[in-house]
């Protein structure tokens, strides 16, 4: 197959079999496209759709997003994970409001200057919303090109990624940029899947090197696996009968910028710690079964402990901690929200 034929076949396939009814495709506005691209990082389309619709309903444009309190942004993101995406989204909106009249910049280099926007995201937004010619290389595209060109190695390695960027640039056409960008992402998401790929219905399988050599299941090579360490923490569900004590997490790190539960090392004494830290008198406690929450780089075994306290004489020396009687509108990490479901 000639290089130009690759894009032609993808476009023909996409007209009949691609996805055309996703909510961010209705206007193909730069804002909607940008938001969808950020949400779709590490997250499946079916999961993203309701979040996207709620987010747009609350933040209909960049200026509204920029002016919103970060807590409100985190609340509407809670459950999608990878919370640095939400923090960067908010920061980027504030930059656009200040420097680009509340619009997504038309310049590729200006787009790259914004928090949370890399080469593939910048290219995808400008190609789909403005018709500019930019190659993209998200996870789906990496899989398609790794198989089609039999690119060996884990795509996260610098030299492998460089090779994939070369092929992404080679195959990007000069016209129909919005449709081509969506087509190659759709092909990876719906046909050239990691497991059980639909090679028989793939529009470019005739000269896909991995298919021709029977190596589709091998590529792209997986990231070398390391055994994940296990950490243990006790999360305290502290109640005075009407309110819960919550902690505002630092802006970076695990659950950054979200409200969480006070935590202790698993061997720290609960009663003594609450008395020492906040002069809270424990009047009752109950440990619940341990459950595991896994991050990309470690497992966290959480021991939830429900604690009833007497607040007479208590002090709150640390501004990161505060009492809350109403959890509505708070940005809570999904595991914390799960724990609090029966506590508030």
C-alpha atoms as a PDB file:
ATOM      1  CA  UNK A   1       0.000   0.000   0.000  1.00  0.00           C
ATOM      2  CA  UNK A   2       1.305   3.475  -0.905  1.00  0.00           C
ATOM      3  CA  UNK A   3       1.726   5.891   1.995  1.00  0.00           C
ATOM      4  CA  UNK A   4      -1.050   8.152   0.698  1.00  0.00           C
ATOM      5  CA  UNK A   5      -3.377   5.146   0.432  1.00  0.00           C
ATOM      6  CA  UNK A   6      -3.168   4.574   4.200  1.00  0.00           C
ATOM      7  CA  UNK A   7      -4.965   7.847   4.957  1.00  0.00           C
ATOM      8  CA  UNK A   8      -7.407   7.336   2.085  1.00  0.00           C
ATOM      9  CA  UNK A   9      -8.487   3.933   3.346  1.00  0.00           C
ATOM     10  CA  UNK A  10      -8.849   5.192   6.903  1.00  0.00           C
ATOM     11  CA  UNK A  11     -11.026   8.064   5.770  1.00  0.00           C
ATOM     12  CA  UNK A  12     -13.216   5.751   3.674  1.00  0.00           C
ATOM     13  CA  UNK A  13     -13.564   3.359   6.606  1.00  0.00           C
ATOM     14  CA  UNK A  14     -14.338   6.191   9.004  1.00  0.00           C
ATOM     15  CA  UNK A  15     -17.178   7.548   6.893  1.00  0.00           C
ATOM     16  CA  UNK A  16     -19.060   4.276   7.320  1.00  0.00           C
ATOM     17  CA  UNK A  17     -17.742   2.843  10.583  1.00  0.00           C
ATOM     18  CA  UNK A  18     -16.201   5.629  12.649  1.00  0.00           C
ATOM     19  CA  UNK A  19     -17.725   7.368  15.648  1.00  0.00           C
ATOM     20  CA  UNK A  20     -19.694  10.463  14.647  1.00  0.00           C
ATOM     21  CA  UNK A  21     -22.074  11.030  17.559  1.00  0.00           C
ATOM     22  CA  UNK A  22     -19.766  11.713  20.503  1.00  0.00           C
ATOM     23  CA  UNK A  23     -20.862  14.794  22.479  1.00  0.00           C
ATOM     24  CA  UNK A  24     -17.647  16.734  21.770  1.00  0.00           C
ATOM     25  CA  UNK A  25     -18.118  16.189  18.025  1.00  0.00           C
ATOM     26  CA  UNK A  26     -21.370  18.164  17.893  1.00  0.00           C
ATOM     27  CA  UNK A  27     -19.608  21.511  17.540  1.00  0.00           C
ATOM     28  CA  UNK A  28     -15.934  20.558  17.221  1.00  0.00           C
ATOM     29  CA  UNK A  29     -15.203  23.734  19.148  1.00  0.00           C
ATOM     30  CA  UNK A  30     -11.615  24.076  20.396  1.00  0.00           C
ATOM     31  CA  UNK A  31     -12.820  24.136  24.017  1.00  0.00           C
ATOM     32  CA  UNK A  32     -14.918  20.977  23.717  1.00  0.00           C
ATOM     33  CA  UNK A  33     -12.174  19.215  21.764  1.00  0.00           C
ATOM     34  CA  UNK A  34      -9.501  20.195  24.275  1.00  0.00           C
ATOM     35  CA  UNK A  35     -11.607  19.098  27.243  1.00  0.00           C
ATOM     36  CA  UNK A  36     -12.386  15.742  25.617  1.00  0.00           C
ATOM     37  CA  UNK A  37      -8.736  15.129  24.772  1.00  0.00           C
ATOM     38  CA  UNK A  38      -7.688  15.737  28.377  1.00  0.00           C
ATOM     39  CA  UNK A  39     -10.477  13.581  29.799  1.00  0.00           C
ATOM     40  CA  UNK A  40      -9.736  10.745  27.372  1.00  0.00           C
ATOM     41  CA  UNK A  41      -6.144  10.439  28.548  1.00  0.00           C
ATOM     42  CA  UNK A  42      -5.985   7.118  30.420  1.00  0.00           C
ATOM     43  CA  UNK A  43      -9.814   6.903  30.395  1.00  0.00           C
ATOM     44  CA  UNK A  44     -12.330   5.071  28.202  1.00  0.00           C
ATOM     45  CA  UNK A  45     -14.897   6.945  26.092  1.00  0.00           C
ATOM     46  CA  UNK A  46     -17.886   5.365  27.855  1.00  0.00           C
ATOM     47  CA  UNK A  47     -16.578   6.616  31.208  1.00  0.00           C
ATOM     48  CA  UNK A  48     -15.785  10.094  29.910  1.00  0.00           C
ATOM     49  CA  UNK A  49     -19.130  10.919  28.257  1.00  0.00           C
ATOM     50  CA  UNK A  50     -21.208  11.625  31.422  1.00  0.00           C
ATOM     51  CA  UNK A  51     -18.313  13.521  33.016  1.00  0.00           C
ATOM     52  CA  UNK A  52     -17.888  15.615  29.881  1.00  0.00           C
ATOM     53  CA  UNK A  53     -21.569  16.495  29.733  1.00  0.00           C
ATOM     54  CA  UNK A  54     -21.718  17.468  33.427  1.00  0.00           C
ATOM     55  CA  UNK A  55     -18.512  19.468  33.090  1.00  0.00           C
ATOM     56  CA  UNK A  56     -19.749  21.419  30.069  1.00  0.00           C
ATOM     57  CA  UNK A  57     -23.064  22.080  31.773  1.00  0.00           C
ATOM     58  CA  UNK A  58     -21.242  23.638  34.748  1.00  0.00           C
ATOM     59  CA  UNK A  59     -18.384  25.257  32.796  1.00  0.00           C
ATOM     60  CA  UNK A  60     -19.803  26.122  29.368  1.00  0.00           C
ATOM     61  CA  UNK A  61     -16.770  28.095  28.209  1.00  0.00           C
ATOM     62  CA  UNK A  62     -13.135  28.763  29.012  1.00  0.00           C
ATOM     63  CA  UNK A  63     -13.818  32.012  30.895  1.00  0.00           C
ATOM     64  CA  UNK A  64     -16.306  30.266  33.199  1.00  0.00           C
ATOM     65  CA  UNK A  65     -13.810  27.496  33.879  1.00  0.00           C
ATOM     66  CA  UNK A  66     -11.027  29.996  34.541  1.00  0.00           C
ATOM     67  CA  UNK A  67     -13.131  31.960  37.019  1.00  0.00           C
ATOM     68  CA  UNK A  68     -14.374  28.918  38.938  1.00  0.00           C
ATOM     69  CA  UNK A  69     -12.901  27.931  42.313  1.00  0.00           C
ATOM     70  CA  UNK A  70     -10.484  25.051  41.944  1.00  0.00           C
ATOM     71  CA  UNK A  71     -12.543  23.072  44.492  1.00  0.00           C
ATOM     72  CA  UNK A  72     -15.513  23.230  42.148  1.00  0.00           C
ATOM     73  CA  UNK A  73     -13.401  22.020  39.233  1.00  0.00           C
ATOM     74  CA  UNK A  74     -12.035  19.134  41.296  1.00  0.00           C
ATOM     75  CA  UNK A  75     -15.541  18.224  42.440  1.00  0.00           C
ATOM     76  CA  UNK A  76     -16.724  17.859  38.844  1.00  0.00           C
ATOM     77  CA  UNK A  77     -13.605  15.837  38.005  1.00  0.00           C
ATOM     78  CA  UNK A  78     -13.742  13.541  41.038  1.00  0.00           C
ATOM     79  CA  UNK A  79     -13.871   9.906  39.965  1.00  0.00           C
ATOM     80  CA  UNK A  80     -11.966  10.331  36.699  1.00  0.00           C
ATOM     81  CA  UNK A  81      -8.616   9.937  38.440  1.00  0.00           C
ATOM     82  CA  UNK A  82      -5.224  11.352  37.433  1.00  0.00           C
ATOM     83  CA  UNK A  83      -6.178  14.590  39.145  1.00  0.00           C
ATOM     84  CA  UNK A  84      -3.215  16.569  37.847  1.00  0.00           C
ATOM     85  CA  UNK A  85      -5.198  16.692  34.590  1.00  0.00           C
ATOM     86  CA  UNK A  86      -7.928  18.728  36.287  1.00  0.00           C
ATOM     87  CA  UNK A  87      -5.474  21.056  38.005  1.00  0.00           C
ATOM     88  CA  UNK A  88      -3.656  21.683  34.722  1.00  0.00           C
ATOM     89  CA  UNK A  89      -6.977  22.144  32.908  1.00  0.00           C
ATOM     90  CA  UNK A  90      -7.908  24.898  35.354  1.00  0.00           C
ATOM     91  CA  UNK A  91      -4.492  26.552  35.124  1.00  0.00           C
ATOM     92  CA  UNK A  92      -4.552  26.407  31.329  1.00  0.00           C
ATOM     93  CA  UNK A  93      -8.025  27.986  31.258  1.00  0.00           C
ATOM     94  CA  UNK A  94      -6.750  30.817  33.445  1.00  0.00           C
ATOM     95  CA  UNK A  95      -3.819  31.335  31.055  1.00  0.00           C
ATOM     96  CA  UNK A  96      -6.178  31.412  28.068  1.00  0.00           C
ATOM     97  CA  UNK A  97      -8.462  33.896  29.830  1.00  0.00           C
ATOM     98  CA  UNK A  98      -5.503  36.137  30.641  1.00  0.00           C
ATOM     99  CA  UNK A  99      -3.419  35.829  27.473  1.00  0.00           C
ATOM    100  CA  UNK A 100      -5.671  34.578  24.646  1.00  0.00           C
ATOM    101  CA  UNK A 101      -8.999  36.370  25.175  1.00  0.00           C
ATOM    102  CA  UNK A 102     -10.568  33.248  26.621  1.00  0.00           C
ATOM    103  CA  UNK A 103      -9.869  31.179  23.508  1.00  0.00           C
ATOM    104  CA  UNK A 104      -7.758  28.149  22.745  1.00  0.00           C
ATOM    105  CA  UNK A 105      -4.670  29.505  20.944  1.00  0.00           C
ATOM    106  CA  UNK A 106      -4.408  28.978  17.194  1.00  0.00           C
ATOM    107  CA  UNK A 107      -0.624  28.614  17.317  1.00  0.00           C
ATOM    108  CA  UNK A 108       0.815  25.143  17.948  1.00  0.00           C
ATOM    109  CA  UNK A 109       3.669  26.595  20.007  1.00  0.00           C
ATOM    110  CA  UNK A 110       1.264  28.696  22.076  1.00  0.00           C
ATOM    111  CA  UNK A 111      -0.838  25.582  22.708  1.00  0.00           C
ATOM    112  CA  UNK A 112       2.263  23.688  23.832  1.00  0.00           C
ATOM    113  CA  UNK A 113       3.039  26.435  26.325  1.00  0.00           C
ATOM    114  CA  UNK A 114      -0.139  25.710  28.296  1.00  0.00           C
ATOM    115  CA  UNK A 115      -0.130  23.439  31.374  1.00  0.00           C
ATOM    116  CA  UNK A 116      -1.032  19.816  30.652  1.00  0.00           C
ATOM    117  CA  UNK A 117      -0.831  20.102  26.858  1.00  0.00           C
ATOM    118  CA  UNK A 118       1.778  18.026  25.035  1.00  0.00           C
ATOM    119  CA  UNK A 119       2.492  17.569  21.321  1.00  0.00           C
ATOM    120  CA  UNK A 120      -0.238  15.004  20.671  1.00  0.00           C
ATOM    121  CA  UNK A 121      -2.948  16.920  22.549  1.00  0.00           C
ATOM    122  CA  UNK A 122      -2.016  20.204  20.886  1.00  0.00           C
ATOM    123  CA  UNK A 123      -2.037  18.540  17.477  1.00  0.00           C
ATOM    124  CA  UNK A 124      -5.356  16.791  18.083  1.00  0.00           C
ATOM    125  CA  UNK A 125      -7.140  19.976  19.172  1.00  0.00           C
ATOM    126  CA  UNK A 126      -5.804  22.108  16.314  1.00  0.00           C
ATOM    127  CA  UNK A 127      -6.440  19.398  13.714  1.00  0.00           C
ATOM    128  CA  UNK A 128      -9.971  18.568  14.817  1.00  0.00           C
ATOM    129  CA  UNK A 129     -11.243  22.052  15.646  1.00  0.00           C
ATOM    130  CA  UNK A 130      -9.271  24.224  13.195  1.00  0.00           C
ATOM    131  CA  UNK A 131      -8.235  21.847  10.406  1.00  0.00           C
ATOM    132  CA  UNK A 132      -4.528  22.470  10.908  1.00  0.00           C
ATOM    133  CA  UNK A 133      -2.098  19.787   9.784  1.00  0.00           C
ATOM    134  CA  UNK A 134      -0.524  18.233  12.869  1.00  0.00           C
ATOM    135  CA  UNK A 135       0.279  14.601  13.555  1.00  0.00           C
ATOM    136  CA  UNK A 136      -1.005  12.972  16.753  1.00  0.00           C
ATOM    137  CA  UNK A 137       0.328  10.063  18.760  1.00  0.00           C
ATOM    138  CA  UNK A 138      -1.980   8.971  21.554  1.00  0.00           C
ATOM    139  CA  UNK A 139      -2.125   5.394  22.834  1.00  0.00           C
ATOM    140  CA  UNK A 140      -4.508   4.228  20.133  1.00  0.00           C
ATOM    141  CA  UNK A 141      -2.380   5.671  17.341  1.00  0.00           C
ATOM    142  CA  UNK A 142       0.768   4.161  18.822  1.00  0.00           C
ATOM    143  CA  UNK A 143      -0.870   0.728  18.707  1.00  0.00           C
ATOM    144  CA  UNK A 144      -1.996   1.120  15.083  1.00  0.00           C
ATOM    145  CA  UNK A 145       1.392   2.311  13.870  1.00  0.00           C
ATOM    146  CA  UNK A 146       3.382  -0.176  15.959  1.00  0.00           C
ATOM    147  CA  UNK A 147       1.511  -3.022  14.300  1.00  0.00           C
ATOM    148  CA  UNK A 148       1.272  -1.579  10.816  1.00  0.00           C
ATOM    149  CA  UNK A 149       5.024  -0.849  10.609  1.00  0.00           C
ATOM    150  CA  UNK A 150       6.174  -3.660  12.945  1.00  0.00           C
ATOM    151  CA  UNK A 151       7.853  -1.216  15.323  1.00  0.00           C
ATOM    152  CA  UNK A 152       9.628  -3.235  17.998  1.00  0.00           C
ATOM    153  CA  UNK A 153       9.958  -2.116  21.608  1.00  0.00           C
ATOM    154  CA  UNK A 154       7.880  -0.396  24.260  1.00  0.00           C
ATOM    155  CA  UNK A 155       6.403   2.852  22.850  1.00  0.00           C
ATOM    156  CA  UNK A 156       7.355   4.712  26.019  1.00  0.00           C
ATOM    157  CA  UNK A 157      11.052   4.437  25.137  1.00  0.00           C
ATOM    158  CA  UNK A 158      12.450   7.565  23.533  1.00  0.00           C
ATOM    159  CA  UNK A 159      13.805   5.920  20.374  1.00  0.00           C
ATOM    160  CA  UNK A 160      10.635   3.889  19.818  1.00  0.00           C
ATOM    161  CA  UNK A 161       8.432   6.945  20.301  1.00  0.00           C
ATOM    162  CA  UNK A 162      10.616   8.907  17.879  1.00  0.00           C
ATOM    163  CA  UNK A 163      10.077   6.228  15.226  1.00  0.00           C
ATOM    164  CA  UNK A 164       6.311   6.288  15.818  1.00  0.00           C
ATOM    165  CA  UNK A 165       6.229  10.090  15.539  1.00  0.00           C
ATOM    166  CA  UNK A 166       7.986   9.745  12.184  1.00  0.00           C
ATOM    167  CA  UNK A 167       5.312   7.408  10.868  1.00  0.00           C
ATOM    168  CA  UNK A 168       2.530   9.530  12.356  1.00  0.00           C
ATOM    169  CA  UNK A 169       3.854  12.524  10.444  1.00  0.00           C
ATOM    170  CA  UNK A 170       4.296  10.519   7.227  1.00  0.00           C
ATOM    171  CA  UNK A 171       0.694   9.299   7.231  1.00  0.00           C
ATOM    172  CA  UNK A 172      -1.004  12.575   8.189  1.00  0.00           C
ATOM    173  CA  UNK A 173      -2.679  13.927   5.032  1.00  0.00           C
ATOM    174  CA  UNK A 174      -2.804  17.542   3.870  1.00  0.00           C
ATOM    175  CA  UNK A 175      -6.600  17.662   3.829  1.00  0.00           C
ATOM    176  CA  UNK A 176      -9.491  16.230   5.866  1.00  0.00           C
ATOM    177  CA  UNK A 177      -7.431  16.669   9.020  1.00  0.00           C
ATOM    178  CA  UNK A 178     -10.324  16.564  11.479  1.00  0.00           C
ATOM    179  CA  UNK A 179     -11.737  13.364   9.983  1.00  0.00           C
ATOM    180  CA  UNK A 180      -8.347  11.673   9.611  1.00  0.00           C
ATOM    181  CA  UNK A 181      -7.379  12.458  13.219  1.00  0.00           C
ATOM    182  CA  UNK A 182     -10.651  10.995  14.470  1.00  0.00           C
ATOM    183  CA  UNK A 183     -10.352   8.047  12.070  1.00  0.00           C
ATOM    184  CA  UNK A 184      -6.957   6.826  13.270  1.00  0.00           C
ATOM    185  CA  UNK A 185      -7.991   7.212  16.914  1.00  0.00           C
ATOM    186  CA  UNK A 186     -11.243   5.348  16.234  1.00  0.00           C
ATOM    187  CA  UNK A 187      -9.409   2.561  14.420  1.00  0.00           C
ATOM    188  CA  UNK A 188      -7.209   1.981  17.447  1.00  0.00           C
ATOM    189  CA  UNK A 189     -10.091   2.219  19.903  1.00  0.00           C
ATOM    190  CA  UNK A 190     -12.629   0.021  18.104  1.00  0.00           C
ATOM    191  CA  UNK A 191     -10.728  -2.299  15.720  1.00  0.00           C
ATOM    192  CA  UNK A 192      -6.985  -2.361  16.407  1.00  0.00           C
ATOM    193  CA  UNK A 193      -7.573  -3.061  20.092  1.00  0.00           C
ATOM    194  CA  UNK A 194      -5.001  -4.389  22.516  1.00  0.00           C
ATOM    195  CA  UNK A 195      -6.998  -7.572  23.076  1.00  0.00           C
ATOM    196  CA  UNK A 196      -9.067  -9.381  20.433  1.00  0.00           C
ATOM    197  CA  UNK A 197      -8.343  -6.947  17.595  1.00  0.00           C
ATOM    198  CA  UNK A 198     -10.689  -7.066  14.610  1.00  0.00           C
ATOM    199  CA  UNK A 199      -8.019  -7.568  11.964  1.00  0.00           C
ATOM    200  CA  UNK A 200     -10.493  -9.080   9.489  1.00  0.00           C
ATOM    201  CA  UNK A 201     -12.408  -5.803   9.265  1.00  0.00           C
ATOM    202  CA  UNK A 202      -9.402  -3.477   9.439  1.00  0.00           C
ATOM    203  CA  UNK A 203      -9.146  -1.280   6.328  1.00  0.00           C
ATOM    204  CA  UNK A 204      -5.329  -1.504   6.240  1.00  0.00           C
ATOM    205  CA  UNK A 205      -4.758  -5.120   7.251  1.00  0.00           C
ATOM    206  CA  UNK A 206      -3.613  -6.218   3.768  1.00  0.00           C
ATOM    207  CA  UNK A 207      -0.126  -4.813   4.321  1.00  0.00           C
ATOM    208  CA  UNK A 208      -0.058  -4.462   8.098  1.00  0.00           C
ATOM    209  CA  UNK A 209       3.294  -6.060   8.857  1.00  0.00           C
ATOM    210  CA  UNK A 210       2.259  -7.443  12.232  1.00  0.00           C
ATOM    211  CA  UNK A 211      -0.845  -9.050  10.680  1.00  0.00           C
ATOM    212  CA  UNK A 212       1.102 -10.462   7.729  1.00  0.00           C
ATOM    213  CA  UNK A 213       3.690 -11.991  10.058  1.00  0.00           C
ATOM    214  CA  UNK A 214       1.209 -13.249  12.656  1.00  0.00           C
ATOM    215  CA  UNK A 215       2.565 -10.992  15.383  1.00  0.00           C
ATOM    216  CA  UNK A 216      -0.399  -8.756  16.145  1.00  0.00           C
ATOM    217  CA  UNK A 217      -0.713 -10.007  19.720  1.00  0.00           C
ATOM    218  CA  UNK A 218       2.939  -9.152  20.424  1.00  0.00           C
ATOM    219  CA  UNK A 219       2.762  -5.501  19.478  1.00  0.00           C
ATOM    220  CA  UNK A 220       3.094  -2.931  20.767  1.00  0.00           C
ATOM    221  CA  UNK A 221       5.467  -4.340  23.344  1.00  0.00           C
ATOM    222  CA  UNK A 222       4.291  -3.864  26.898  1.00  0.00           C
ATOM    223  CA  UNK A 223       6.101  -1.773  29.446  1.00  0.00           C
ATOM    224  CA  UNK A 224       8.586  -3.879  31.422  1.00  0.00           C
ATOM    225  CA  UNK A 225       6.741  -4.882  34.561  1.00  0.00           C
ATOM    226  CA  UNK A 226       7.946  -4.238  38.062  1.00  0.00           C
ATOM    227  CA  UNK A 227       6.335  -5.628  41.179  1.00  0.00           C
ATOM    228  CA  UNK A 228       4.418  -2.807  42.831  1.00  0.00           C
ATOM    229  CA  UNK A 229       5.181  -2.034  46.479  1.00  0.00           C
ATOM    230  CA  UNK A 230       2.348  -2.167  49.009  1.00  0.00           C
ATOM    231  CA  UNK A 231       1.767   0.690  51.449  1.00  0.00           C
ATOM    232  CA  UNK A 232      -0.582   0.705  54.418  1.00  0.00           C
ATOM    233  CA  UNK A 233      -2.523   3.646  55.803  1.00  0.00           C
ATOM    234  CA  UNK A 234      -5.373   4.189  58.234  1.00  0.00           C
ATOM    235  CA  UNK A 235      -8.007   6.677  57.047  1.00  0.00           C
ATOM    236  CA  UNK A 236     -10.010   8.228  59.864  1.00  0.00           C
ATOM    237  CA  UNK A 237     -13.714   8.966  59.442  1.00  0.00           C
ATOM    238  CA  UNK A 238     -13.949  11.381  62.370  1.00  0.00           C
ATOM    239  CA  UNK A 239     -17.436  12.568  63.361  1.00  0.00           C
ATOM    240  CA  UNK A 240     -18.735  14.783  66.138  1.00  0.00           C
ATOM    241  CA  UNK A 241     -22.256  13.525  65.439  1.00  0.00           C
ATOM    242  CA  UNK A 242     -23.082  16.188  62.864  1.00  0.00           C
ATOM    243  CA  UNK A 243     -19.866  16.977  61.012  1.00  0.00           C
ATOM    244  CA  UNK A 244     -16.860  15.184  59.560  1.00  0.00           C
ATOM    245  CA  UNK A 245     -13.249  16.254  59.856  1.00  0.00           C
ATOM    246  CA  UNK A 246     -11.612  16.474  56.432  1.00  0.00           C
ATOM    247  CA  UNK A 247      -8.136  17.304  55.196  1.00  0.00           C
ATOM    248  CA  UNK A 248      -7.342  19.417  52.126  1.00  0.00           C
ATOM    249  CA  UNK A 249      -4.596  17.533  50.302  1.00  0.00           C
ATOM    250  CA  UNK A 250      -1.540  19.422  49.019  1.00  0.00           C
ATOM    251  CA  UNK A 251      -1.836  20.593  45.390  1.00  0.00           C
ATOM    252  CA  UNK A 252       0.577  17.932  44.143  1.00  0.00           C
ATOM    253  CA  UNK A 253       0.866  14.230  44.878  1.00  0.00           C
ATOM    254  CA  UNK A 254      -1.778  11.598  45.531  1.00  0.00           C
ATOM    255  CA  UNK A 255      -5.305  13.070  45.386  1.00  0.00           C
ATOM    256  CA  UNK A 256      -3.691  16.480  45.005  1.00  0.00           C
ATOM    257  CA  UNK A 257      -6.007  19.392  45.684  1.00  0.00           C
ATOM    258  CA  UNK A 258      -8.893  17.176  46.804  1.00  0.00           C
ATOM    259  CA  UNK A 259     -10.543  16.840  50.188  1.00  0.00           C
ATOM    260  CA  UNK A 260      -9.618  13.614  51.912  1.00  0.00           C
ATOM    261  CA  UNK A 261      -9.745  11.928  55.310  1.00  0.00           C
ATOM    262  CA  UNK A 262      -7.102  12.423  57.973  1.00  0.00           C
ATOM    263  CA  UNK A 263      -4.651   9.560  57.839  1.00  0.00           C
ATOM    264  CA  UNK A 264      -2.315   7.800  60.211  1.00  0.00           C
ATOM    265  CA  UNK A 265       0.359   5.201  59.807  1.00  0.00           C
ATOM    266  CA  UNK A 266      -1.182   1.818  60.437  1.00  0.00           C
ATOM    267  CA  UNK A 267       0.626   1.367  63.778  1.00  0.00           C
ATOM    268  CA  UNK A 268      -0.048   4.845  65.166  1.00  0.00           C
ATOM    269  CA  UNK A 269      -2.382   4.863  68.209  1.00  0.00           C
ATOM    270  CA  UNK A 270      -5.694   6.405  67.182  1.00  0.00           C
ATOM    271  CA  UNK A 271      -6.858   7.796  70.517  1.00  0.00           C
ATOM    272  CA  UNK A 272      -3.496   9.271  71.471  1.00  0.00           C
ATOM    273  CA  UNK A 273      -2.969  10.779  68.019  1.00  0.00           C
ATOM    274  CA  UNK A 274      -6.319  12.576  68.023  1.00  0.00           C
ATOM    275  CA  UNK A 275      -5.769  13.848  71.548  1.00  0.00           C
ATOM    276  CA  UNK A 276      -2.259  15.057  70.723  1.00  0.00           C
ATOM    277  CA  UNK A 277      -3.028  16.620  67.330  1.00  0.00           C
ATOM    278  CA  UNK A 278      -6.444  18.215  67.950  1.00  0.00           C
ATOM    279  CA  UNK A 279      -7.397  17.574  71.582  1.00  0.00           C
ATOM    280  CA  UNK A 280     -10.262  15.401  70.416  1.00  0.00           C
ATOM    281  CA  UNK A 281     -11.609  12.913  72.939  1.00  0.00           C
ATOM    282  CA  UNK A 282     -12.478   9.597  71.305  1.00  0.00           C
ATOM    283  CA  UNK A 283     -15.820   8.294  72.517  1.00  0.00           C
ATOM    284  CA  UNK A 284     -16.054   5.344  70.141  1.00  0.00           C
ATOM    285  CA  UNK A 285     -14.190   3.699  67.260  1.00  0.00           C
ATOM    286  CA  UNK A 286     -14.692   0.877  64.812  1.00  0.00           C
ATOM    287  CA  UNK A 287     -12.192  -0.554  62.342  1.00  0.00           C
ATOM    288  CA  UNK A 288     -13.638  -1.688  59.039  1.00  0.00           C
ATOM    289  CA  UNK A 289     -12.211  -4.332  56.681  1.00  0.00           C
ATOM    290  CA  UNK A 290      -9.072  -3.417  54.789  1.00  0.00           C
ATOM    291  CA  UNK A 291      -9.518  -2.703  51.114  1.00  0.00           C
ATOM    292  CA  UNK A 292      -6.913  -2.141  48.432  1.00  0.00           C
ATOM    293  CA  UNK A 293      -6.749   0.834  46.101  1.00  0.00           C
ATOM    294  CA  UNK A 294      -4.120   0.542  43.377  1.00  0.00           C
ATOM    295  CA  UNK A 295      -2.237   3.427  41.831  1.00  0.00           C
ATOM    296  CA  UNK A 296       0.042   3.172  38.822  1.00  0.00           C
ATOM    297  CA  UNK A 297       3.135   2.836  41.004  1.00  0.00           C
ATOM    298  CA  UNK A 298       1.971   1.208  44.249  1.00  0.00           C
ATOM    299  CA  UNK A 299      -0.888  -0.544  46.023  1.00  0.00           C
ATOM    300  CA  UNK A 300      -2.461   1.180  49.004  1.00  0.00           C
ATOM    301  CA  UNK A 301      -4.080  -1.015  51.644  1.00  0.00           C
ATOM    302  CA  UNK A 302      -6.533   1.208  53.507  1.00  0.00           C
ATOM    303  CA  UNK A 303      -7.875   0.477  56.968  1.00  0.00           C
ATOM    304  CA  UNK A 304     -10.965   2.673  57.411  1.00  0.00           C
ATOM    305  CA  UNK A 305     -11.586   3.607  61.033  1.00  0.00           C
ATOM    306  CA  UNK A 306     -14.824   5.329  62.051  1.00  0.00           C
ATOM    307  CA  UNK A 307     -14.249   7.490  65.101  1.00  0.00           C
ATOM    308  CA  UNK A 308     -16.771   9.340  67.270  1.00  0.00           C
ATOM    309  CA  UNK A 309     -15.316  12.298  69.160  1.00  0.00           C
ATOM    310  CA  UNK A 310     -16.137  14.939  71.739  1.00  0.00           C
ATOM    311  CA  UNK A 311     -14.970  18.302  70.363  1.00  0.00           C
ATOM    312  CA  UNK A 312     -15.080  20.188  73.669  1.00  0.00           C
ATOM    313  CA  UNK A 313     -11.701  21.869  74.091  1.00  0.00           C
ATOM    314  CA  UNK A 314     -10.508  20.855  70.640  1.00  0.00           C
ATOM    315  CA  UNK A 315      -8.150  23.019  68.613  1.00  0.00           C
ATOM    316  CA  UNK A 316      -7.537  23.239  64.889  1.00  0.00           C
ATOM    317  CA  UNK A 317      -3.938  24.368  64.522  1.00  0.00           C
ATOM    318  CA  UNK A 318      -3.558  23.303  60.895  1.00  0.00           C
ATOM    319  CA  UNK A 319      -5.556  25.155  58.237  1.00  0.00           C
ATOM    320  CA  UNK A 320      -5.534  22.057  56.050  1.00  0.00           C
ATOM    321  CA  UNK A 321      -8.108  20.433  58.366  1.00  0.00           C
ATOM    322  CA  UNK A 322     -11.673  21.601  58.824  1.00  0.00           C
ATOM    323  CA  UNK A 323     -15.121  20.354  59.848  1.00  0.00           C
ATOM    324  CA  UNK A 324     -17.796  19.821  57.197  1.00  0.00           C
ATOM    325  CA  UNK A 325     -21.479  19.194  57.742  1.00  0.00           C
ATOM    326  CA  UNK A 326     -22.338  19.158  54.050  1.00  0.00           C
ATOM    327  CA  UNK A 327     -20.170  17.308  51.534  1.00  0.00           C
ATOM    328  CA  UNK A 328     -22.089  18.600  48.516  1.00  0.00           C
ATOM    329  CA  UNK A 329     -19.778  20.243  46.001  1.00  0.00           C
ATOM    330  CA  UNK A 330     -16.554  19.035  47.597  1.00  0.00           C
ATOM    331  CA  UNK A 331     -13.927  17.474  45.362  1.00  0.00           C
ATOM    332  CA  UNK A 332     -13.414  14.025  46.879  1.00  0.00           C
ATOM    333  CA  UNK A 333     -11.261  11.222  45.528  1.00  0.00           C
ATOM    334  CA  UNK A 334     -13.303   8.202  44.472  1.00  0.00           C
ATOM    335  CA  UNK A 335     -12.033   5.880  47.277  1.00  0.00           C
ATOM    336  CA  UNK A 336     -12.734   8.571  49.868  1.00  0.00           C
ATOM    337  CA  UNK A 337     -16.203   9.225  48.484  1.00  0.00           C
ATOM    338  CA  UNK A 338     -16.855   5.482  48.734  1.00  0.00           C
ATOM    339  CA  UNK A 339     -15.840   5.435  52.387  1.00  0.00           C
ATOM    340  CA  UNK A 340     -17.935   8.477  53.211  1.00  0.00           C
ATOM    341  CA  UNK A 341     -21.057   7.177  51.508  1.00  0.00           C
ATOM    342  CA  UNK A 342     -22.326   5.724  54.752  1.00  0.00           C
ATOM    343  CA  UNK A 343     -20.770   8.260  57.089  1.00  0.00           C
ATOM    344  CA  UNK A 344     -22.205  11.631  56.158  1.00  0.00           C
END
